[in-house]
Amino acid sequence: MDEYMIRVKKALIQKIDIEKVISRAELARQLNVSKPTVTIWLQEDKETGIDAKYFLPICEILKISPNYLFGYQSSMDVSEDDIMLINNLNNNPKLKDLIKKSFEDDKLKSLLINLYDMQGK
């Protein structure tokens, strides 16, 4: 098995079996493959590869970058904390708007930083 497929399998195992982002059955359903197919994909000792046509759909379903899937990390990758923050901001439009405004207003930015500092004391 080549190095890239090993990385892909490890990334899938991390997201599916360890982090429990999605079940094997649900991933199989969304990819329109059988659950045994997904199980075979996740067996590290098997030489079975994953057809490349599934890579991007897997990334979309698991909400990961292709870089993550292939085991690469770069400064452009978004961390799990960043994703959580973005999701929280998207679910709170008033907070999102306030933070966007603070990018252009130094007084507002200082106020937010001071409030944050006070909260930590």
PDB file of N, CA and C in Angstrom:
ATOM      1  N   MET A   1       0.853  -1.177   0.000  1.00  0.00           N
ATOM      2  CA  MET A   1       0.000   0.000   0.000  1.00  0.00           C
ATOM      3  C   MET A   1       0.897   1.238   0.000  1.00  0.00           C
ATOM      4  N   ASP A   2       0.546   2.218  -0.822  1.00  0.00           N
ATOM      5  CA  ASP A   2       1.414   3.381  -0.910  1.00  0.00           C
ATOM      6  C   ASP A   2       1.206   4.327   0.280  1.00  0.00           C
ATOM      7  N   GLU A   3       2.176   5.218   0.427  1.00  0.00           N
ATOM      8  CA  GLU A   3       2.217   6.156   1.554  1.00  0.00           C
ATOM      9  C   GLU A   3       0.951   7.013   1.633  1.00  0.00           C
ATOM     10  N   TYR A   4       0.427   7.446   0.491  1.00  0.00           N
ATOM     11  CA  TYR A   4      -0.754   8.314   0.483  1.00  0.00           C
ATOM     12  C   TYR A   4      -1.992   7.577   0.991  1.00  0.00           C
ATOM     13  N   MET A   5      -2.151   6.325   0.592  1.00  0.00           N
ATOM     14  CA  MET A   5      -3.323   5.574   1.040  1.00  0.00           C
ATOM     15  C   MET A   5      -3.246   5.312   2.538  1.00  0.00           C
ATOM     16  N   ILE A   6      -2.052   5.097   3.051  1.00  0.00           N
ATOM     17  CA  ILE A   6      -1.884   4.919   4.499  1.00  0.00           C
ATOM     18  C   ILE A   6      -2.322   6.189   5.217  1.00  0.00           C
ATOM     19  N   ARG A   7      -1.923   7.344   4.705  1.00  0.00           N
ATOM     20  CA  ARG A   7      -2.316   8.624   5.311  1.00  0.00           C
ATOM     21  C   ARG A   7      -3.828   8.818   5.261  1.00  0.00           C
ATOM     22  N   VAL A   8      -4.432   8.471   4.126  1.00  0.00           N
ATOM     23  CA  VAL A   8      -5.885   8.612   3.974  1.00  0.00           C
ATOM     24  C   VAL A   8      -6.599   7.720   4.986  1.00  0.00           C
ATOM     25  N   LYS A   9      -6.159   6.482   5.092  1.00  0.00           N
ATOM     26  CA  LYS A   9      -6.796   5.553   6.036  1.00  0.00           C
ATOM     27  C   LYS A   9      -6.660   6.059   7.465  1.00  0.00           C
ATOM     28  N   LYS A  10      -5.483   6.573   7.821  1.00  0.00           N
ATOM     29  CA  LYS A  10      -5.283   7.096   9.182  1.00  0.00           C
ATOM     30  C   LYS A  10      -6.193   8.292   9.450  1.00  0.00           C
ATOM     31  N   ALA A  11      -6.340   9.174   8.475  1.00  0.00           N
ATOM     32  CA  ALA A  11      -7.222  10.336   8.652  1.00  0.00           C
ATOM     33  C   ALA A  11      -8.669   9.888   8.833  1.00  0.00           C
ATOM     34  N   LEU A  12      -9.101   8.903   8.040  1.00  0.00           N
ATOM     35  CA  LEU A  12     -10.473   8.406   8.157  1.00  0.00           C
ATOM     36  C   LEU A  12     -10.694   7.723   9.507  1.00  0.00           C
ATOM     37  N   ILE A  13      -9.742   6.937   9.931  1.00  0.00           N
ATOM     38  CA  ILE A  13      -9.854   6.273  11.236  1.00  0.00           C
ATOM     39  C   ILE A  13      -9.961   7.321  12.345  1.00  0.00           C
ATOM     40  N   GLN A  14      -9.155   8.375  12.242  1.00  0.00           N
ATOM     41  CA  GLN A  14      -9.198   9.441  13.249  1.00  0.00           C
ATOM     42  C   GLN A  14     -10.590  10.063  13.317  1.00  0.00           C
ATOM     43  N   LYS A  15     -11.148  10.417  12.173  1.00  0.00           N
ATOM     44  CA  LYS A  15     -12.436  11.109  12.146  1.00  0.00           C
ATOM     45  C   LYS A  15     -13.619  10.193  12.446  1.00  0.00           C
ATOM     46  N   ILE A  16     -13.551   8.948  11.979  1.00  0.00           N
ATOM     47  CA  ILE A  16     -14.708   8.054  12.096  1.00  0.00           C
ATOM     48  C   ILE A  16     -14.666   7.243  13.386  1.00  0.00           C
ATOM     49  N   ASP A  17     -13.546   6.608  13.661  1.00  0.00           N
ATOM     50  CA  ASP A  17     -13.481   5.694  14.804  1.00  0.00           C
ATOM     51  C   ASP A  17     -13.072   6.373  16.108  1.00  0.00           C
ATOM     52  N   ILE A  18     -12.256   7.402  16.024  1.00  0.00           N
ATOM     53  CA  ILE A  18     -11.763   8.039  17.254  1.00  0.00           C
ATOM     54  C   ILE A  18     -12.616   9.252  17.623  1.00  0.00           C
ATOM     55  N   GLU A  19     -12.774  10.189  16.691  1.00  0.00           N
ATOM     56  CA  GLU A  19     -13.544  11.399  16.982  1.00  0.00           C
ATOM     57  C   GLU A  19     -15.052  11.186  16.842  1.00  0.00           C
ATOM     58  N   LYS A  20     -15.438  10.118  16.188  1.00  0.00           N
ATOM     59  CA  LYS A  20     -16.863   9.770  16.003  1.00  0.00           C
ATOM     60  C   LYS A  20     -17.643  10.903  15.314  1.00  0.00           C
ATOM     61  N   VAL A  21     -17.025  11.514  14.308  1.00  0.00           N
ATOM     62  CA  VAL A  21     -17.664  12.582  13.545  1.00  0.00           C
ATOM     63  C   VAL A  21     -18.885  12.050  12.791  1.00  0.00           C
ATOM     64  N   ILE A  22     -18.775  10.817  12.339  1.00  0.00           N
ATOM     65  CA  ILE A  22     -19.844  10.189  11.573  1.00  0.00           C
ATOM     66  C   ILE A  22     -19.677   8.671  11.707  1.00  0.00           C
ATOM     67  N   SER A  23     -20.768   7.949  11.611  1.00  0.00           N
ATOM     68  CA  SER A  23     -20.662   6.485  11.685  1.00  0.00           C
ATOM     69  C   SER A  23     -20.230   5.935  10.325  1.00  0.00           C
ATOM     70  N   ARG A  24     -19.714   4.736  10.334  1.00  0.00           N
ATOM     71  CA  ARG A  24     -19.352   4.076   9.081  1.00  0.00           C
ATOM     72  C   ARG A  24     -20.585   3.904   8.199  1.00  0.00           C
ATOM     73  N   ALA A  25     -21.694   3.532   8.824  1.00  0.00           N
ATOM     74  CA  ALA A  25     -22.929   3.316   8.064  1.00  0.00           C
ATOM     75  C   ALA A  25     -23.407   4.607   7.408  1.00  0.00           C
ATOM     76  N   GLU A  26     -23.323   5.721   8.132  1.00  0.00           N
ATOM     77  CA  GLU A  26     -23.774   6.999   7.571  1.00  0.00           C
ATOM     78  C   GLU A  26     -22.838   7.465   6.460  1.00  0.00           C
ATOM     79  N   LEU A  27     -21.536   7.300   6.643  1.00  0.00           N
ATOM     80  CA  LEU A  27     -20.596   7.659   5.577  1.00  0.00           C
ATOM     81  C   LEU A  27     -20.891   6.824   4.337  1.00  0.00           C
ATOM     82  N   ALA A  28     -21.103   5.528   4.538  1.00  0.00           N
ATOM     83  CA  ALA A  28     -21.418   4.640   3.411  1.00  0.00           C
ATOM     84  C   ALA A  28     -22.688   5.109   2.703  1.00  0.00           C
ATOM     85  N   ARG A  29     -23.711   5.453   3.483  1.00  0.00           N
ATOM     86  CA  ARG A  29     -24.974   5.909   2.888  1.00  0.00           C
ATOM     87  C   ARG A  29     -24.763   7.171   2.056  1.00  0.00           C
ATOM     88  N   GLN A  30     -24.024   8.139   2.618  1.00  0.00           N
ATOM     89  CA  GLN A  30     -23.816   9.403   1.906  1.00  0.00           C
ATOM     90  C   GLN A  30     -22.947   9.242   0.659  1.00  0.00           C
ATOM     91  N   LEU A  31     -22.067   8.254   0.663  1.00  0.00           N
ATOM     92  CA  LEU A  31     -21.215   8.002  -0.503  1.00  0.00           C
ATOM     93  C   LEU A  31     -21.839   7.016  -1.482  1.00  0.00           C
ATOM     94  N   ASN A  32     -22.974   6.456  -1.071  1.00  0.00           N
ATOM     95  CA  ASN A  32     -23.673   5.465  -1.888  1.00  0.00           C
ATOM     96  C   ASN A  32     -22.808   4.224  -2.129  1.00  0.00           C
ATOM     97  N   VAL A  33     -22.168   3.775  -1.040  1.00  0.00           N
ATOM     98  CA  VAL A  33     -21.422   2.523  -1.056  1.00  0.00           C
ATOM     99  C   VAL A  33     -21.930   1.679   0.115  1.00  0.00           C
ATOM    100  N   SER A  34     -21.518   0.424   0.174  1.00  0.00           N
ATOM    101  CA  SER A  34     -21.957  -0.433   1.275  1.00  0.00           C
ATOM    102  C   SER A  34     -21.117  -0.170   2.526  1.00  0.00           C
ATOM    103  N   LYS A  35     -21.695  -0.487   3.686  1.00  0.00           N
ATOM    104  CA  LYS A  35     -20.951  -0.350   4.942  1.00  0.00           C
ATOM    105  C   LYS A  35     -19.715  -1.248   4.939  1.00  0.00           C
ATOM    106  N   PRO A  36     -19.806  -2.498   4.427  1.00  0.00           N
ATOM    107  CA  PRO A  36     -18.580  -3.316   4.366  1.00  0.00           C
ATOM    108  C   PRO A  36     -17.464  -2.666   3.534  1.00  0.00           C
ATOM    109  N   THR A  37     -17.846  -1.894   2.524  1.00  0.00           N
ATOM    110  CA  THR A  37     -16.832  -1.198   1.721  1.00  0.00           C
ATOM    111  C   THR A  37     -16.071  -0.212   2.592  1.00  0.00           C
ATOM    112  N   VAL A  38     -16.796   0.572   3.378  1.00  0.00           N
ATOM    113  CA  VAL A  38     -16.145   1.545   4.271  1.00  0.00           C
ATOM    114  C   VAL A  38     -15.288   0.812   5.299  1.00  0.00           C
ATOM    115  N   THR A  39     -15.795  -0.277   5.834  1.00  0.00           N
ATOM    116  CA  THR A  39     -15.031  -1.065   6.808  1.00  0.00           C
ATOM    117  C   THR A  39     -13.719  -1.556   6.201  1.00  0.00           C
ATOM    118  N   ILE A  40     -13.772  -2.028   4.970  1.00  0.00           N
ATOM    119  CA  ILE A  40     -12.554  -2.477   4.280  1.00  0.00           C
ATOM    120  C   ILE A  40     -11.595  -1.310   4.089  1.00  0.00           C
ATOM    121  N   TRP A  41     -12.131  -0.145   3.718  1.00  0.00           N
ATOM    122  CA  TRP A  41     -11.277   1.034   3.544  1.00  0.00           C
ATOM    123  C   TRP A  41     -10.496   1.337   4.819  1.00  0.00           C
ATOM    124  N   LEU A  42     -11.120   1.117   5.971  1.00  0.00           N
ATOM    125  CA  LEU A  42     -10.512   1.512   7.238  1.00  0.00           C
ATOM    126  C   LEU A  42      -9.569   0.461   7.826  1.00  0.00           C
ATOM    127  N   GLN A  43      -9.452  -0.678   7.193  1.00  0.00           N
ATOM    128  CA  GLN A  43      -8.542  -1.708   7.690  1.00  0.00           C
ATOM    129  C   GLN A  43      -7.129  -1.387   7.237  1.00  0.00           C
ATOM    130  N   GLU A  44      -6.312  -0.965   8.199  1.00  0.00           N
ATOM    131  CA  GLU A  44      -4.954  -0.525   7.878  1.00  0.00           C
ATOM    132  C   GLU A  44      -4.092  -1.623   7.277  1.00  0.00           C
ATOM    133  N   ASP A  45      -4.353  -2.871   7.659  1.00  0.00           N
ATOM    134  CA  ASP A  45      -3.520  -3.963   7.176  1.00  0.00           C
ATOM    135  C   ASP A  45      -3.919  -4.447   5.785  1.00  0.00           C
ATOM    136  N   LYS A  46      -5.030  -3.956   5.263  1.00  0.00           N
ATOM    137  CA  LYS A  46      -5.493  -4.370   3.939  1.00  0.00           C
ATOM    138  C   LYS A  46      -4.838  -3.496   2.866  1.00  0.00           C
ATOM    139  N   GLU A  47      -4.593  -4.110   1.739  1.00  0.00           N
ATOM    140  CA  GLU A  47      -4.005  -3.399   0.606  1.00  0.00           C
ATOM    141  C   GLU A  47      -5.066  -2.646  -0.206  1.00  0.00           C
ATOM    142  N   THR A  48      -6.305  -2.742   0.222  1.00  0.00           N
ATOM    143  CA  THR A  48      -7.407  -2.135  -0.514  1.00  0.00           C
ATOM    144  C   THR A  48      -7.307  -0.618  -0.476  1.00  0.00           C
ATOM    145  N   GLY A  49      -7.393  -0.019  -1.645  1.00  0.00           N
ATOM    146  CA  GLY A  49      -7.374   1.427  -1.726  1.00  0.00           C
ATOM    147  C   GLY A  49      -8.779   1.992  -1.855  1.00  0.00           C
ATOM    148  N   ILE A  50      -8.854   3.279  -1.755  1.00  0.00           N
ATOM    149  CA  ILE A  50     -10.121   3.990  -1.920  1.00  0.00           C
ATOM    150  C   ILE A  50     -10.069   4.661  -3.275  1.00  0.00           C
ATOM    151  N   ASP A  51     -11.093   4.470  -4.062  1.00  0.00           N
ATOM    152  CA  ASP A  51     -11.149   5.092  -5.382  1.00  0.00           C
ATOM    153  C   ASP A  51     -11.070   6.610  -5.216  1.00  0.00           C
ATOM    154  N   ALA A  52     -10.232   7.237  -6.010  1.00  0.00           N
ATOM    155  CA  ALA A  52     -10.005   8.676  -5.908  1.00  0.00           C
ATOM    156  C   ALA A  52     -11.279   9.504  -6.068  1.00  0.00           C
ATOM    157  N   LYS A  53     -12.283   8.967  -6.743  1.00  0.00           N
ATOM    158  CA  LYS A  53     -13.520   9.728  -6.931  1.00  0.00           C
ATOM    159  C   LYS A  53     -14.228  10.005  -5.605  1.00  0.00           C
ATOM    160  N   TYR A  54     -13.848   9.286  -4.548  1.00  0.00           N
ATOM    161  CA  TYR A  54     -14.480   9.484  -3.241  1.00  0.00           C
ATOM    162  C   TYR A  54     -13.747  10.500  -2.361  1.00  0.00           C
ATOM    163  N   PHE A  55     -12.540  10.902  -2.738  1.00  0.00           N
ATOM    164  CA  PHE A  55     -11.756  11.780  -1.867  1.00  0.00           C
ATOM    165  C   PHE A  55     -12.455  13.105  -1.564  1.00  0.00           C
ATOM    166  N   LEU A  56     -12.877  13.820  -2.578  1.00  0.00           N
ATOM    167  CA  LEU A  56     -13.525  15.112  -2.319  1.00  0.00           C
ATOM    168  C   LEU A  56     -14.864  14.960  -1.598  1.00  0.00           C
ATOM    169  N   PRO A  57     -15.720  14.013  -2.002  1.00  0.00           N
ATOM    170  CA  PRO A  57     -16.951  13.827  -1.220  1.00  0.00           C
ATOM    171  C   PRO A  57     -16.671  13.481   0.247  1.00  0.00           C
ATOM    172  N   ILE A  58     -15.642  12.686   0.499  1.00  0.00           N
ATOM    173  CA  ILE A  58     -15.279  12.358   1.884  1.00  0.00           C
ATOM    174  C   ILE A  58     -14.891  13.632   2.626  1.00  0.00           C
ATOM    175  N   CYS A  59     -14.092  14.480   1.991  1.00  0.00           N
ATOM    176  CA  CYS A  59     -13.687  15.738   2.621  1.00  0.00           C
ATOM    177  C   CYS A  59     -14.905  16.607   2.942  1.00  0.00           C
ATOM    178  N   GLU A  60     -15.831  16.691   2.012  1.00  0.00           N
ATOM    179  CA  GLU A  60     -17.035  17.498   2.238  1.00  0.00           C
ATOM    180  C   GLU A  60     -17.885  16.926   3.366  1.00  0.00           C
ATOM    181  N   ILE A  61     -18.065  15.630   3.389  1.00  0.00           N
ATOM    182  CA  ILE A  61     -18.888  14.986   4.416  1.00  0.00           C
ATOM    183  C   ILE A  61     -18.256  15.146   5.796  1.00  0.00           C
ATOM    184  N   LEU A  62     -16.949  14.937   5.884  1.00  0.00           N
ATOM    185  CA  LEU A  62     -16.256  15.015   7.170  1.00  0.00           C
ATOM    186  C   LEU A  62     -15.843  16.434   7.536  1.00  0.00           C
ATOM    187  N   LYS A  63     -16.061  17.377   6.596  1.00  0.00           N
ATOM    188  CA  LYS A  63     -15.682  18.776   6.803  1.00  0.00           C
ATOM    189  C   LYS A  63     -14.185  18.907   7.125  1.00  0.00           C
ATOM    190  N   ILE A  64     -13.398  18.263   6.268  1.00  0.00           N
ATOM    191  CA  ILE A  64     -11.944  18.327   6.385  1.00  0.00           C
ATOM    192  C   ILE A  64     -11.367  18.775   5.051  1.00  0.00           C
ATOM    193  N   SER A  65     -10.146  19.254   5.093  1.00  0.00           N
ATOM    194  CA  SER A  65      -9.476  19.668   3.858  1.00  0.00           C
ATOM    195  C   SER A  65      -8.819  18.453   3.206  1.00  0.00           C
ATOM    196  N   PRO A  66      -8.600  18.526   1.896  1.00  0.00           N
ATOM    197  CA  PRO A  66      -7.812  17.460   1.260  1.00  0.00           C
ATOM    198  C   PRO A  66      -6.426  17.327   1.894  1.00  0.00           C
ATOM    199  N   ASN A  67      -5.857  18.455   2.336  1.00  0.00           N
ATOM    200  CA  ASN A  67      -4.560  18.387   3.019  1.00  0.00           C
ATOM    201  C   ASN A  67      -4.644  17.485   4.247  1.00  0.00           C
ATOM    202  N   TYR A  68      -5.703  17.655   5.023  1.00  0.00           N
ATOM    203  CA  TYR A  68      -5.878  16.813   6.212  1.00  0.00           C
ATOM    204  C   TYR A  68      -6.020  15.351   5.801  1.00  0.00           C
ATOM    205  N   LEU A  69      -6.847  15.115   4.785  1.00  0.00           N
ATOM    206  CA  LEU A  69      -7.087  13.744   4.338  1.00  0.00           C
ATOM    207  C   LEU A  69      -5.790  13.046   3.945  1.00  0.00           C
ATOM    208  N   PHE A  70      -4.889  13.772   3.311  1.00  0.00           N
ATOM    209  CA  PHE A  70      -3.639  13.182   2.856  1.00  0.00           C
ATOM    210  C   PHE A  70      -2.505  13.328   3.872  1.00  0.00           C
ATOM    211  N   GLY A  71      -2.839  13.795   5.075  1.00  0.00           N
ATOM    212  CA  GLY A  71      -1.862  13.845   6.155  1.00  0.00           C
ATOM    213  C   GLY A  71      -0.919  15.022   6.130  1.00  0.00           C
ATOM    214  N   TYR A  72      -1.291  16.060   5.397  1.00  0.00           N
ATOM    215  CA  TYR A  72      -0.453  17.255   5.343  1.00  0.00           C
ATOM    216  C   TYR A  72      -1.070  18.340   6.211  1.00  0.00           C
ATOM    217  N   GLN A  73      -0.231  19.066   6.880  1.00  0.00           N
ATOM    218  CA  GLN A  73      -0.676  20.221   7.647  1.00  0.00           C
ATOM    219  C   GLN A  73       0.085  21.427   7.129  1.00  0.00           C
ATOM    220  N   SER A  74      -0.601  22.523   7.020  1.00  0.00           N
ATOM    221  CA  SER A  74       0.062  23.752   6.602  1.00  0.00           C
ATOM    222  C   SER A  74      -0.523  24.901   7.397  1.00  0.00           C
ATOM    223  N   SER A  75       0.113  26.043   7.308  1.00  0.00           N
ATOM    224  CA  SER A  75      -0.377  27.199   8.043  1.00  0.00           C
ATOM    225  C   SER A  75      -1.747  27.648   7.526  1.00  0.00           C
ATOM    226  N   MET A  76      -2.144  27.168   6.357  1.00  0.00           N
ATOM    227  CA  MET A  76      -3.445  27.532   5.802  1.00  0.00           C
ATOM    228  C   MET A  76      -4.565  26.615   6.286  1.00  0.00           C
ATOM    229  N   ASP A  77      -4.213  25.502   6.941  1.00  0.00           N
ATOM    230  CA  ASP A  77      -5.238  24.603   7.442  1.00  0.00           C
ATOM    231  C   ASP A  77      -5.968  25.239   8.607  1.00  0.00           C
ATOM    232  N   VAL A  78      -7.222  24.931   8.725  1.00  0.00           N
ATOM    233  CA  VAL A  78      -8.054  25.464   9.790  1.00  0.00           C
ATOM    234  C   VAL A  78      -8.108  24.421  10.905  1.00  0.00           C
ATOM    235  N   SER A  79      -7.818  24.863  12.125  1.00  0.00           N
ATOM    236  CA  SER A  79      -7.825  23.940  13.262  1.00  0.00           C
ATOM    237  C   SER A  79      -9.262  23.637  13.684  1.00  0.00           C
ATOM    238  N   GLU A  80      -9.403  22.614  14.494  1.00  0.00           N
ATOM    239  CA  GLU A  80     -10.728  22.261  15.029  1.00  0.00           C
ATOM    240  C   GLU A  80     -11.285  23.412  15.861  1.00  0.00           C
ATOM    241  N   ASP A  81     -10.423  24.105  16.638  1.00  0.00           N
ATOM    242  CA  ASP A  81     -10.871  25.258  17.423  1.00  0.00           C
ATOM    243  C   ASP A  81     -11.368  26.380  16.515  1.00  0.00           C
ATOM    244  N   ASP A  82     -10.661  26.600  15.402  1.00  0.00           N
ATOM    245  CA  ASP A  82     -11.088  27.630  14.451  1.00  0.00           C
ATOM    246  C   ASP A  82     -12.449  27.287  13.860  1.00  0.00           C
ATOM    247  N   ILE A  83     -12.642  26.025  13.518  1.00  0.00           N
ATOM    248  CA  ILE A  83     -13.927  25.599  12.954  1.00  0.00           C
ATOM    249  C   ILE A  83     -15.041  25.805  13.973  1.00  0.00           C
ATOM    250  N   MET A  84     -14.785  25.459  15.245  1.00  0.00           N
ATOM    251  CA  MET A  84     -15.778  25.640  16.290  1.00  0.00           C
ATOM    252  C   MET A  84     -16.112  27.126  16.451  1.00  0.00           C
ATOM    253  N   LEU A  85     -15.089  27.973  16.433  1.00  0.00           N
ATOM    254  CA  LEU A  85     -15.303  29.412  16.554  1.00  0.00           C
ATOM    255  C   LEU A  85     -16.125  29.944  15.384  1.00  0.00           C
ATOM    256  N   ILE A  86     -15.789  29.531  14.191  1.00  0.00           N
ATOM    257  CA  ILE A  86     -16.527  29.969  13.002  1.00  0.00           C
ATOM    258  C   ILE A  86     -17.977  29.518  13.076  1.00  0.00           C
ATOM    259  N   ASN A  87     -18.199  28.276  13.476  1.00  0.00           N
ATOM    260  CA  ASN A  87     -19.572  27.777  13.603  1.00  0.00           C
ATOM    261  C   ASN A  87     -20.355  28.563  14.648  1.00  0.00           C
ATOM    262  N   ASN A  88     -19.712  28.871  15.784  1.00  0.00           N
ATOM    263  CA  ASN A  88     -20.386  29.659  16.815  1.00  0.00           C
ATOM    264  C   ASN A  88     -20.719  31.059  16.323  1.00  0.00           C
ATOM    265  N   LEU A  89     -19.802  31.656  15.583  1.00  0.00           N
ATOM    266  CA  LEU A  89     -20.073  32.996  15.040  1.00  0.00           C
ATOM    267  C   LEU A  89     -21.205  32.952  14.013  1.00  0.00           C
ATOM    268  N   ASN A  90     -21.205  31.921  13.188  1.00  0.00           N
ATOM    269  CA  ASN A  90     -22.273  31.800  12.193  1.00  0.00           C
ATOM    270  C   ASN A  90     -23.631  31.577  12.839  1.00  0.00           C
ATOM    271  N   ASN A  91     -23.646  31.000  14.022  1.00  0.00           N
ATOM    272  CA  ASN A  91     -24.905  30.765  14.729  1.00  0.00           C
ATOM    273  C   ASN A  91     -25.330  31.948  15.592  1.00  0.00           C
ATOM    274  N   ASN A  92     -24.487  32.972  15.674  1.00  0.00           N
ATOM    275  CA  ASN A  92     -24.809  34.160  16.461  1.00  0.00           C
ATOM    276  C   ASN A  92     -24.511  35.411  15.629  1.00  0.00           C
ATOM    277  N   PRO A  93     -25.463  35.815  14.780  1.00  0.00           N
ATOM    278  CA  PRO A  93     -25.220  36.932  13.860  1.00  0.00           C
ATOM    279  C   PRO A  93     -24.852  38.241  14.552  1.00  0.00           C
ATOM    280  N   LYS A  94     -25.421  38.506  15.738  1.00  0.00           N
ATOM    281  CA  LYS A  94     -25.100  39.765  16.436  1.00  0.00           C
ATOM    282  C   LYS A  94     -23.638  39.783  16.866  1.00  0.00           C
ATOM    283  N   LEU A  95     -23.167  38.678  17.413  1.00  0.00           N
ATOM    284  CA  LEU A  95     -21.767  38.590  17.820  1.00  0.00           C
ATOM    285  C   LEU A  95     -20.849  38.682  16.606  1.00  0.00           C
ATOM    286  N   LYS A  96     -21.222  37.999  15.543  1.00  0.00           N
ATOM    287  CA  LYS A  96     -20.431  38.037  14.311  1.00  0.00           C
ATOM    288  C   LYS A  96     -20.325  39.475  13.795  1.00  0.00           C
ATOM    289  N   ASP A  97     -21.430  40.191  13.794  1.00  0.00           N
ATOM    290  CA  ASP A  97     -21.444  41.584  13.333  1.00  0.00           C
ATOM    291  C   ASP A  97     -20.580  42.460  14.233  1.00  0.00           C
ATOM    292  N   LEU A  98     -20.684  42.252  15.542  1.00  0.00           N
ATOM    293  CA  LEU A  98     -19.882  43.033  16.485  1.00  0.00           C
ATOM    294  C   LEU A  98     -18.394  42.824  16.234  1.00  0.00           C
ATOM    295  N   ILE A  99     -17.988  41.591  16.038  1.00  0.00           N
ATOM    296  CA  ILE A  99     -16.575  41.306  15.807  1.00  0.00           C
ATOM    297  C   ILE A  99     -16.113  41.885  14.469  1.00  0.00           C
ATOM    298  N   LYS A 100     -16.953  41.767  13.446  1.00  0.00           N
ATOM    299  CA  LYS A 100     -16.600  42.362  12.146  1.00  0.00           C
ATOM    300  C   LYS A 100     -16.402  43.869  12.285  1.00  0.00           C
ATOM    301  N   LYS A 101     -17.287  44.517  13.033  1.00  0.00           N
ATOM    302  CA  LYS A 101     -17.162  45.967  13.232  1.00  0.00           C
ATOM    303  C   LYS A 101     -15.893  46.313  13.991  1.00  0.00           C
ATOM    304  N   SER A 102     -15.479  45.434  14.907  1.00  0.00           N
ATOM    305  CA  SER A 102     -14.274  45.722  15.691  1.00  0.00           C
ATOM    306  C   SER A 102     -13.009  45.716  14.826  1.00  0.00           C
ATOM    307  N   PHE A 103     -13.068  45.077  13.652  1.00  0.00           N
ATOM    308  CA  PHE A 103     -11.919  45.090  12.751  1.00  0.00           C
ATOM    309  C   PHE A 103     -11.634  46.500  12.236  1.00  0.00           C
ATOM    310  N   GLU A 104     -12.682  47.309  12.158  1.00  0.00           N
ATOM    311  CA  GLU A 104     -12.543  48.657  11.602  1.00  0.00           C
ATOM    312  C   GLU A 104     -12.563  49.747  12.664  1.00  0.00           C
ATOM    313  N   ASP A 105     -12.932  49.421  13.878  1.00  0.00           N
ATOM    314  CA  ASP A 105     -13.093  50.412  14.937  1.00  0.00           C
ATOM    315  C   ASP A 105     -12.161  50.060  16.096  1.00  0.00           C
ATOM    316  N   ASP A 106     -11.071  50.838  16.226  1.00  0.00           N
ATOM    317  CA  ASP A 106     -10.081  50.539  17.259  1.00  0.00           C
ATOM    318  C   ASP A 106     -10.646  50.675  18.671  1.00  0.00           C
ATOM    319  N   LYS A 107     -11.568  51.628  18.881  1.00  0.00           N
ATOM    320  CA  LYS A 107     -12.165  51.795  20.215  1.00  0.00           C
ATOM    321  C   LYS A 107     -12.996  50.560  20.579  1.00  0.00           C
ATOM    322  N   LEU A 108     -13.761  50.076  19.632  1.00  0.00           N
ATOM    323  CA  LEU A 108     -14.571  48.885  19.873  1.00  0.00           C
ATOM    324  C   LEU A 108     -13.673  47.675  20.127  1.00  0.00           C
ATOM    325  N   LYS A 109     -12.602  47.570  19.351  1.00  0.00           N
ATOM    326  CA  LYS A 109     -11.658  46.464  19.539  1.00  0.00           C
ATOM    327  C   LYS A 109     -11.052  46.514  20.940  1.00  0.00           C
ATOM    328  N   SER A 110     -10.639  47.710  21.391  1.00  0.00           N
ATOM    329  CA  SER A 110     -10.079  47.867  22.733  1.00  0.00           C
ATOM    330  C   SER A 110     -11.097  47.502  23.802  1.00  0.00           C
ATOM    331  N   LEU A 111     -12.339  47.926  23.592  1.00  0.00           N
ATOM    332  CA  LEU A 111     -13.398  47.607  24.545  1.00  0.00           C
ATOM    333  C   LEU A 111     -13.589  46.094  24.662  1.00  0.00           C
ATOM    334  N   LEU A 112     -13.642  45.402  23.542  1.00  0.00           N
ATOM    335  CA  LEU A 112     -13.804  43.952  23.557  1.00  0.00           C
ATOM    336  C   LEU A 112     -12.624  43.261  24.247  1.00  0.00           C
ATOM    337  N   ILE A 113     -11.423  43.745  23.979  1.00  0.00           N
ATOM    338  CA  ILE A 113     -10.232  43.162  24.611  1.00  0.00           C
ATOM    339  C   ILE A 113     -10.269  43.409  26.116  1.00  0.00           C
ATOM    340  N   ASN A 114     -10.646  44.619  26.523  1.00  0.00           N
ATOM    341  CA  ASN A 114     -10.734  44.927  27.953  1.00  0.00           C
ATOM    342  C   ASN A 114     -11.802  44.080  28.637  1.00  0.00           C
ATOM    343  N   LEU A 115     -12.931  43.883  27.991  1.00  0.00           N
ATOM    344  CA  LEU A 115     -13.987  43.034  28.560  1.00  0.00           C
ATOM    345  C   LEU A 115     -13.485  41.611  28.720  1.00  0.00           C
ATOM    346  N   TYR A 116     -12.768  41.145  27.736  1.00  0.00           N
ATOM    347  CA  TYR A 116     -12.209  39.800  27.805  1.00  0.00           C
ATOM    348  C   TYR A 116     -11.215  39.694  28.965  1.00  0.00           C
ATOM    349  N   ASP A 117     -10.334  40.704  29.087  1.00  0.00           N
ATOM    350  CA  ASP A 117      -9.341  40.704  30.175  1.00  0.00           C
ATOM    351  C   ASP A 117     -10.023  40.727  31.541  1.00  0.00           C
ATOM    352  N   MET A 118     -11.090  41.521  31.682  1.00  0.00           N
ATOM    353  CA  MET A 118     -11.825  41.608  32.950  1.00  0.00           C
ATOM    354  C   MET A 118     -12.485  40.270  33.293  1.00  0.00           C
ATOM    355  N   GLN A 119     -12.952  39.573  32.293  1.00  0.00           N
ATOM    356  CA  GLN A 119     -13.616  38.290  32.509  1.00  0.00           C
ATOM    357  C   GLN A 119     -12.646  37.256  33.066  1.00  0.00           C
ATOM    358  N   GLY A 120     -11.397  37.344  32.657  1.00  0.00           N
ATOM    359  CA  GLY A 120     -10.393  36.387  33.098  1.00  0.00           C
ATOM    360  C   GLY A 120      -9.901  36.610  34.510  1.00  0.00           C
ATOM    361  N   LYS A 121     -10.216  37.754  35.115  1.00  0.00           N
ATOM    362  CA  LYS A 121      -9.726  38.090  36.467  1.00  0.00           C
ATOM    363  C   LYS A 121     -10.652  37.600  37.540  1.00  0.00           C
TER     364      LYS A 121
END
